Each structure stands twice: as C-alpha cells, then as structure tokens.
Amino acid sequence: MVKETKYYDVLGVSPNATDSELKKAYRKLALKYHPDKNPEGGEQFKLISQAYEVLSDEKKRQIYDQGGEEALQGGGGGGEFHNPFDVFDMFFGGGRRQRERGVRPTVHQMKVSLEQLYNGFSKKLKVTRTVICTDCKGLGGVAGSVVKCSDCKGRGMIVRVMQLAPGMIQQVQSPCGACKGTGEVIPAKDRCKGCQGQKKRKVEEILEVHVEKGMKDGDRIMFEGRGDEDHDVPPGDIVIILDEKDHHTFFRKDDNLVMNIDIQLVEAMCGFSRVIKTLDDRTLFFNVLPGEVIKHSDMRVIYGEGMPHRRNPTEKVGHVAFARFIRILNFQL
C-alpha cells in the first residue's frame, strides 16, 4: 500500500504500473503538454516530468511509495529534479549528443495498427520545421542593416526596479519588447521579405517513414539532421515515435500475440475447434481434443505464429496467442 498516489495520478497509471506502462504514459502526456505544442501546458509538463523522474527510478519510487513527497524532500535522494526539457530529450533520443549540438529534437507520434507492425509498411508524413532563411542567408535583412537595440543596449533583456516597500526594492528581468529578446533590430525598409527580419522561417516537408516488420509500441525512427536549424550548429533530428492502437482480437506481449476466447461449458469438457484469422490474413485452425478438459484461465499455444523478428522478418520469434480462456459460459439447452 503506497502512502500517496499523486505522481501515479499525474501519469494516469496505477501504483502497480510496470516500467513499460510508465514509459507509455509519460510518452503520451509529455508530447501532449510539451510547451512547443501546448503553450498553456508548461506547469503540467513540468509535473509530468517530475512524476516520471521519480517513478522510473527504483530507489526514488520506493521512497515515494513509503513516505510520499515529504520523504523525497527530506533527504531521500529525490528532492531535486532535472530540467523537464532534459528529461524529455533523454527519453526521446536527444540526450547528451543532442544538447551538445544545441538543437532539440522534433518529436512526432505516429499511430500504427498491430497489422502494420506485423506486416511492415511505409507512409508519407508531412512535418513543419524551422530553417534558416535562404533569401537573406540568415541575416534577417540587407547586409550591414542589423543594429544594436537601443532599448536594451544589445543585451536582449530589460531590468526593471520595483519598490516593494520603503527601503525594499526588487529587480525584475524580462525579455526586451523592442527586439523580442534578440538584442538586435532591423529597420523595416531593410528587412528580408521572406522571413520578415526573423532570420528563420517555417517550411513544410514530406518524410518517407518506413516501419519494419516486428517493430513495437514506443520504437523510434530517427531522421538525423532533418529537424530544426539554428545558426552555427548542425540541424536537429526528427524523431518518430510509434504509438500502437488497440486491436479487436489480439494484444501483444513481447513478441507473442495473445487473444482471449469465451467457450461454452460443453466445449470445455468435450473439446472444440476455432478458426483464427492472422494479422497477415491467413487462417489457422485451433483444436482442443475431447477429454482435454479446459479450466478458466487455461492457456494453449500455437507455436511460431507470433510477431516476426525485426532484423530477420522471415523468422517468427513469437507464438500465437497463448489462447487464454477467460470465461466459460454455462451451457444452456
């Protein structure tokens, strides 16, 4: 029994959640509330990061389960949190290399069906990226027209002094409104028409995404150097995250395909047959012989008919369906 469930509630998981369930929950929520996509989601994004940082660490999770947030802050090794954007970068494949490059990865989540993961497929995906303006070569306007902002003296920030009470003042620092924090201004007549003096512009591009047979929920497909651009650093990456949709018949467990079957009491006692449609549209026949009594939650296996091996698609490494009998219906005349 855990002392409090706040962090579990933030991620929308139970206190018994597995590592894979925590990762899936964080992935979906972090993408949903990332400030780049949800400008109002900053605080929630931070809280999601904190919850995942604690629950994904075995030691911190144990401390939290036993004593809650108070135990973490009381010297339990979890009172300080990483920058939520660093947690995001590490999770989605940026990490140290991406931070050194200076441009964060652009992450897209792509819904895929279990059939598509089984058979493999290709899809065209339209993405929007920020690139250095080619019209002005990133200068923002006519060469030599950029001048230091007179309001902030080129610092990009304005410092205001506020008097809180007699003898008590506070300095407040905020981005300069005149230059939008850049420290530079370009006269209107000299601004680049392509980027309006912003030095960068948005463009749309089409990516060809190839999903290999046997890939799974949460797998990443990287397009190195195809992300956002910035001055004096290599461009960032685009990361495609696969998000598996629920299937009406099977659910995946590692490389096995699991299905639940309801049977009548007479079938449990006397045997039965079922026809199973595979994910590549083949037909399998599943038989339980008379005398082979079936009990609730018993399992039967069709070997070698599970998910294909990602690196060797012709090889099936999983099994079909640990066919599990979840409900034995009373036989009625």
Protein backbone atom coordinates (compact mmCIF):
# COMPACT_ATOMS: atom_id res chain seq x y z
CA MET A 1 0.00 0.00 0.00
CA VAL A 2 1.51 3.32 -1.08
CA LYS A 3 1.27 6.40 1.14
CA GLU A 4 0.08 8.72 -1.64
CA THR A 5 -0.79 8.39 -5.33
CA LYS A 6 -0.26 11.92 -6.67
CA TYR A 7 2.53 11.04 -9.11
CA TYR A 8 0.68 7.91 -10.26
CA ASP A 9 -2.45 10.01 -10.82
CA VAL A 10 -0.47 12.59 -12.82
CA LEU A 11 0.64 9.85 -15.23
CA GLY A 12 -2.76 8.14 -15.16
CA VAL A 13 -1.41 4.77 -14.01
CA SER A 14 -1.98 2.52 -11.02
CA PRO A 15 0.57 2.12 -8.18
CA ASN A 16 1.30 -1.34 -9.61
CA ALA A 17 2.28 0.05 -13.02
CA THR A 18 5.19 -1.65 -14.79
CA ASP A 19 8.15 0.18 -16.31
CA SER A 20 6.66 -0.19 -19.79
CA GLU A 21 3.33 1.26 -18.61
CA LEU A 22 5.13 4.22 -17.03
CA LYS A 23 7.07 4.86 -20.24
CA LYS A 24 3.97 4.71 -22.39
CA ALA A 25 2.07 7.07 -20.08
CA TYR A 26 4.95 9.57 -19.93
CA ARG A 27 5.43 9.46 -23.70
CA LYS A 28 1.82 10.33 -24.48
CA LEU A 29 1.45 13.01 -21.81
CA ALA A 30 4.83 14.67 -22.48
CA LEU A 31 4.00 15.02 -26.16
CA LYS A 32 0.52 16.34 -25.35
CA TYR A 33 1.67 19.01 -22.87
CA HIS A 34 5.04 19.99 -24.34
CA PRO A 35 5.09 23.82 -24.47
CA ASP A 36 6.02 23.77 -28.16
CA LYS A 37 2.66 22.15 -28.91
CA ASN A 38 0.68 23.36 -25.91
CA PRO A 39 1.77 26.86 -24.80
CA GLU A 40 -0.54 26.65 -21.77
CA GLY A 41 0.82 23.27 -20.68
CA GLY A 42 4.10 24.37 -19.09
CA GLU A 43 3.23 23.59 -15.47
CA GLN A 44 1.61 20.27 -16.32
CA PHE A 45 4.62 19.35 -18.48
CA LYS A 46 6.89 20.05 -15.50
CA LEU A 47 4.73 17.95 -13.16
CA ILE A 48 4.61 15.05 -15.64
CA SER A 49 8.42 15.14 -15.85
CA GLN A 50 8.77 15.10 -12.06
CA ALA A 51 6.35 12.20 -11.70
CA TYR A 52 8.17 10.13 -14.31
CA GLU A 53 11.60 11.00 -12.91
CA VAL A 54 10.57 9.64 -9.50
CA LEU A 55 8.57 6.59 -10.58
CA SER A 56 11.07 5.43 -13.22
CA ASP A 57 13.87 5.34 -10.63
CA GLU A 58 13.60 2.22 -8.47
CA LYS A 59 15.12 3.83 -5.36
CA LYS A 60 13.12 7.06 -5.61
CA ARG A 61 9.91 5.14 -6.29
CA GLN A 62 10.41 3.01 -3.18
CA ILE A 63 10.99 6.12 -1.05
CA TYR A 64 7.92 7.81 -2.54
CA ASP A 65 5.71 4.76 -2.05
CA GLN A 66 6.70 4.53 1.61
CA GLY A 67 6.71 8.21 2.56
CA GLY A 68 5.30 10.32 -0.27
CA GLU A 69 6.70 13.65 -1.46
CA GLU A 70 7.68 14.60 2.07
CA ALA A 71 10.10 11.67 2.26
CA LEU A 72 11.68 12.63 -1.07
CA GLN A 73 12.25 16.21 0.04
CA GLY A 74 13.58 15.12 3.41
CA GLY A 75 16.91 13.86 2.13
CA GLY A 76 15.67 10.75 0.37
CA GLY A 77 17.62 11.50 -2.79
CA GLY A 78 14.74 12.81 -4.85
CA GLY A 79 14.11 16.37 -3.69
CA GLU A 80 15.89 17.95 -6.66
CA PHE A 81 14.53 17.46 -10.17
CA HIS A 82 16.17 17.71 -13.57
CA ASN A 83 15.11 20.27 -16.13
CA PRO A 84 11.91 18.83 -17.69
CA PHE A 85 13.26 19.51 -21.19
CA ASP A 86 16.40 17.48 -20.40
CA VAL A 87 14.21 14.59 -19.23
CA PHE A 88 12.23 14.90 -22.47
CA ASP A 89 15.38 14.94 -24.60
CA MET A 90 16.86 11.91 -22.85
CA PHE A 91 13.62 9.95 -23.22
CA PHE A 92 13.03 10.77 -26.87
CA GLY A 93 16.55 10.19 -28.09
CA GLY A 94 18.26 13.57 -27.85
CA GLY A 95 20.30 13.16 -24.69
CA ARG A 96 23.85 14.45 -24.30
CA ARG A 97 24.64 14.35 -28.02
CA GLN A 98 21.63 16.49 -28.85
CA ARG A 99 22.38 19.03 -26.12
CA GLU A 100 25.94 19.36 -27.41
CA ARG A 101 24.56 20.04 -30.87
CA GLY A 102 22.37 22.78 -29.44
CA VAL A 103 19.12 22.00 -31.30
CA ARG A 104 16.47 19.91 -29.58
CA PRO A 105 14.90 17.01 -31.50
CA THR A 106 11.48 17.48 -33.06
CA VAL A 107 9.26 14.63 -31.91
CA HIS A 108 6.18 13.30 -33.73
CA GLN A 109 3.94 10.48 -32.54
CA MET A 110 2.52 8.22 -35.26
CA LYS A 111 -0.45 5.93 -34.69
CA VAL A 112 0.06 2.41 -36.08
CA SER A 113 -2.09 -0.71 -36.06
CA LEU A 114 -0.93 -4.15 -34.93
CA GLU A 115 -1.36 -5.33 -38.53
CA GLN A 116 1.05 -2.62 -39.71
CA LEU A 117 3.64 -3.63 -37.12
CA TYR A 118 3.25 -7.27 -38.15
CA ASN A 119 3.49 -6.71 -41.91
CA GLY A 120 5.58 -3.54 -42.09
CA PHE A 121 4.61 -0.52 -44.19
CA SER A 122 5.70 2.88 -45.47
CA LYS A 123 3.92 6.18 -45.00
CA LYS A 124 4.44 9.75 -46.13
CA LEU A 125 4.39 12.19 -43.21
CA LYS A 126 4.18 15.96 -43.57
CA VAL A 127 6.26 17.83 -41.00
CA THR A 128 6.89 21.50 -40.29
CA ARG A 129 10.41 22.60 -39.43
CA THR A 130 12.22 25.86 -38.77
CA VAL A 131 15.06 26.58 -41.18
CA ILE A 132 17.50 29.44 -41.72
CA CYS A 133 16.06 31.80 -44.32
CA THR A 134 17.71 31.20 -47.69
CA ASP A 135 16.64 34.60 -49.07
CA CYS A 136 18.81 36.56 -46.63
CA LYS A 137 21.13 33.69 -45.63
CA GLY A 138 20.02 34.09 -42.04
CA LEU A 139 20.93 37.78 -41.77
CA GLY A 140 17.34 38.96 -41.43
CA GLY A 141 17.78 41.74 -43.97
CA VAL A 142 20.23 43.73 -46.03
CA ALA A 143 23.84 43.06 -45.02
CA GLY A 144 25.00 45.65 -42.50
CA SER A 145 21.49 46.79 -41.62
CA VAL A 146 21.35 44.99 -38.27
CA VAL A 147 21.95 47.40 -35.39
CA LYS A 148 22.16 47.00 -31.63
CA CYS A 149 18.84 47.54 -29.87
CA SER A 150 18.89 50.91 -28.13
CA ASP A 151 16.30 49.93 -25.53
CA CYS A 152 18.29 47.04 -24.00
CA LYS A 153 21.76 48.05 -25.25
CA GLY A 154 22.05 44.75 -27.10
CA ARG A 155 21.53 42.57 -24.03
CA GLY A 156 18.12 41.30 -25.08
CA MET A 157 16.80 41.75 -21.54
CA ILE A 158 15.31 44.71 -19.68
CA VAL A 159 15.87 45.11 -15.95
CA ARG A 160 13.17 46.99 -14.06
CA VAL A 161 13.46 48.09 -10.45
CA MET A 162 10.31 47.84 -8.36
CA GLN A 163 9.87 49.33 -4.89
CA LEU A 164 8.03 46.85 -2.68
CA ALA A 165 8.16 48.93 0.49
CA PRO A 166 10.21 51.79 1.94
CA GLY A 167 13.82 50.71 1.72
CA MET A 168 12.92 47.46 -0.08
CA ILE A 169 13.35 47.09 -3.84
CA GLN A 170 13.24 44.20 -6.30
CA GLN A 171 14.86 43.82 -9.70
CA VAL A 172 12.74 42.13 -12.36
CA GLN A 173 14.35 40.93 -15.58
CA SER A 174 12.27 40.30 -18.72
CA PRO A 175 12.86 39.98 -22.50
CA CYS A 176 13.13 43.27 -24.32
CA GLY A 177 9.92 44.07 -26.18
CA ALA A 178 11.61 46.20 -28.84
CA CYS A 179 13.92 43.45 -30.13
CA LYS A 180 11.99 40.43 -28.76
CA GLY A 181 15.00 39.38 -26.73
CA THR A 182 17.47 39.22 -29.63
CA GLY A 183 19.43 42.37 -28.75
CA GLU A 184 19.22 43.47 -32.40
CA VAL A 185 16.81 45.41 -34.58
CA ILE A 186 16.49 45.78 -38.34
CA PRO A 187 14.87 48.88 -39.86
CA ALA A 188 11.58 47.99 -41.59
CA LYS A 189 12.84 49.11 -45.01
CA ASP A 190 15.82 46.74 -44.82
CA ARG A 191 14.03 43.62 -43.52
CA CYS A 192 14.03 40.43 -45.57
CA LYS A 193 10.66 39.88 -47.25
CA GLY A 194 10.97 36.12 -46.91
CA CYS A 195 11.36 35.94 -43.13
CA GLN A 196 10.24 39.44 -42.10
CA GLY A 197 13.55 40.01 -40.39
CA GLN A 198 13.28 36.88 -38.22
CA LYS A 199 16.31 35.20 -39.89
CA LYS A 200 14.45 31.87 -39.91
CA ARG A 201 11.22 30.65 -41.45
CA LYS A 202 8.80 27.71 -41.27
CA VAL A 203 8.73 25.19 -44.12
CA GLU A 204 6.75 22.01 -44.74
CA GLU A 205 8.46 18.84 -45.92
CA ILE A 206 7.40 15.27 -46.67
CA LEU A 207 9.21 12.40 -44.95
CA GLU A 208 9.03 8.79 -46.11
CA VAL A 209 8.64 6.77 -42.91
CA HIS A 210 9.50 3.06 -43.18
CA VAL A 211 8.14 0.86 -40.38
CA GLU A 212 9.89 -2.52 -40.30
CA LYS A 213 8.14 -5.81 -39.60
CA GLY A 214 8.27 -6.63 -35.91
CA MET A 215 8.68 -3.09 -34.59
CA LYS A 216 6.76 -2.35 -31.39
CA ASP A 217 4.95 0.35 -29.49
CA GLY A 218 7.35 3.12 -28.46
CA ASP A 219 10.05 2.31 -31.03
CA ARG A 220 11.81 5.34 -32.52
CA ILE A 221 12.55 6.12 -36.16
CA MET A 222 15.26 8.79 -36.47
CA PHE A 223 15.78 11.28 -39.29
CA GLU A 224 19.17 12.74 -38.37
CA GLY A 225 19.73 16.34 -39.37
CA ARG A 226 16.19 16.74 -40.73
CA GLY A 227 14.87 18.79 -37.80
CA ASP A 228 15.03 22.49 -36.92
CA GLU A 229 18.01 24.62 -37.91
CA ASP A 230 19.86 27.29 -35.94
CA HIS A 231 22.90 29.45 -36.51
CA ASP A 232 26.40 27.97 -36.14
CA VAL A 233 25.24 24.48 -35.08
CA PRO A 234 24.22 21.38 -37.05
CA PRO A 235 20.45 20.91 -37.53
CA GLY A 236 18.47 18.84 -35.06
CA ASP A 237 16.87 15.46 -35.63
CA ILE A 238 13.29 14.41 -36.26
CA VAL A 239 12.15 11.51 -34.08
CA ILE A 240 9.06 9.48 -34.99
CA ILE A 241 7.57 7.55 -32.05
CA LEU A 242 5.32 4.59 -32.87
CA ASP A 243 2.06 4.50 -30.91
CA GLU A 244 0.28 1.14 -31.22
CA LYS A 245 -3.52 1.22 -31.42
CA ASP A 246 -5.62 -1.34 -29.57
CA HIS A 247 -6.57 -4.40 -31.64
CA HIS A 248 -10.00 -6.01 -31.60
CA THR A 249 -8.65 -9.59 -31.34
CA PHE A 250 -5.01 -9.67 -30.23
CA PHE A 251 -2.84 -7.80 -27.79
CA ARG A 252 0.91 -8.03 -27.89
CA LYS A 253 3.04 -9.35 -25.04
CA ASP A 254 6.70 -9.13 -26.01
CA ASP A 255 6.74 -11.00 -29.33
CA ASN A 256 3.70 -13.13 -28.55
CA LEU A 257 0.17 -12.39 -29.69
CA VAL A 258 -2.43 -13.02 -27.01
CA MET A 259 -6.15 -13.49 -27.55
CA ASN A 260 -8.98 -14.24 -25.17
CA ILE A 261 -11.61 -16.84 -26.04
CA ASP A 262 -15.03 -17.44 -24.49
CA ILE A 263 -16.18 -21.05 -24.59
CA GLN A 264 -19.28 -22.97 -23.54
CA LEU A 265 -19.14 -25.42 -20.66
CA VAL A 266 -19.79 -28.31 -23.02
CA GLU A 267 -16.80 -27.20 -25.13
CA ALA A 268 -14.57 -27.06 -22.07
CA MET A 269 -15.45 -30.65 -21.27
CA CYS A 270 -15.78 -32.20 -24.73
CA GLY A 271 -13.38 -30.25 -26.93
CA PHE A 272 -13.94 -27.69 -29.69
CA SER A 273 -12.43 -26.03 -32.76
CA ARG A 274 -11.85 -22.37 -33.62
CA VAL A 275 -10.76 -20.57 -36.77
CA ILE A 276 -8.23 -17.79 -36.13
CA LYS A 277 -7.53 -15.05 -38.70
CA THR A 278 -3.88 -14.00 -38.59
CA LEU A 279 -2.58 -10.44 -38.96
CA ASP A 280 -1.41 -11.21 -42.50
CA ASP A 281 -4.86 -12.57 -43.41
CA ARG A 282 -4.09 -16.29 -43.20
CA THR A 283 -6.33 -18.84 -41.50
CA LEU A 284 -5.24 -21.01 -38.57
CA PHE A 285 -7.26 -23.88 -37.12
CA PHE A 286 -7.15 -24.29 -33.36
CA ASN A 287 -8.38 -27.58 -31.88
CA VAL A 288 -8.88 -28.87 -28.34
CA LEU A 289 -9.45 -32.62 -28.34
CA PRO A 290 -12.24 -34.40 -26.45
CA GLY A 291 -11.06 -35.37 -22.98
CA GLU A 292 -8.64 -32.44 -22.78
CA VAL A 293 -10.59 -30.62 -20.08
CA ILE A 294 -10.23 -26.83 -20.08
CA LYS A 295 -10.42 -24.73 -16.91
CA HIS A 296 -10.89 -20.98 -16.50
CA SER A 297 -7.72 -19.04 -17.48
CA ASP A 298 -6.05 -22.10 -19.03
CA MET A 299 -3.75 -21.34 -21.95
CA ARG A 300 -2.93 -23.08 -25.18
CA VAL A 301 -0.20 -22.09 -27.63
CA ILE A 302 0.18 -22.15 -31.40
CA TYR A 303 3.96 -22.09 -31.73
CA GLY A 304 5.85 -19.96 -34.24
CA GLU A 305 2.92 -17.81 -35.34
CA GLY A 306 3.66 -14.68 -33.33
CA MET A 307 5.37 -11.43 -34.32
CA PRO A 308 8.19 -11.52 -36.88
CA HIS A 309 11.78 -10.81 -35.88
CA ARG A 310 12.57 -7.18 -36.69
CA ARG A 311 16.07 -7.88 -38.00
CA ASN A 312 15.03 -11.06 -39.81
CA PRO A 313 11.39 -10.57 -40.92
CA THR A 314 11.04 -14.08 -42.34
CA GLU A 315 11.65 -15.55 -38.88
CA LYS A 316 8.78 -15.64 -36.38
CA VAL A 317 10.11 -15.40 -32.83
CA GLY A 318 6.78 -15.22 -31.02
CA HIS A 319 3.84 -17.55 -30.66
CA VAL A 320 0.17 -17.02 -31.32
CA ALA A 321 -1.88 -16.04 -28.64
CA PHE A 322 -1.33 -18.08 -25.61
CA ALA A 323 -5.05 -18.61 -26.30
CA ARG A 324 -6.49 -17.90 -22.90
CA PHE A 325 -10.00 -18.98 -21.92
CA ILE A 326 -11.23 -16.12 -19.80
CA ARG A 327 -14.83 -17.10 -19.46
CA ILE A 328 -16.51 -20.48 -19.60
CA LEU A 329 -20.17 -19.88 -20.31
CA ASN A 330 -22.83 -22.09 -18.78
CA PHE A 331 -24.29 -24.44 -21.35
CA GLN A 332 -28.00 -23.87 -21.91
CA LEU A 333 -30.39 -26.22 -23.65
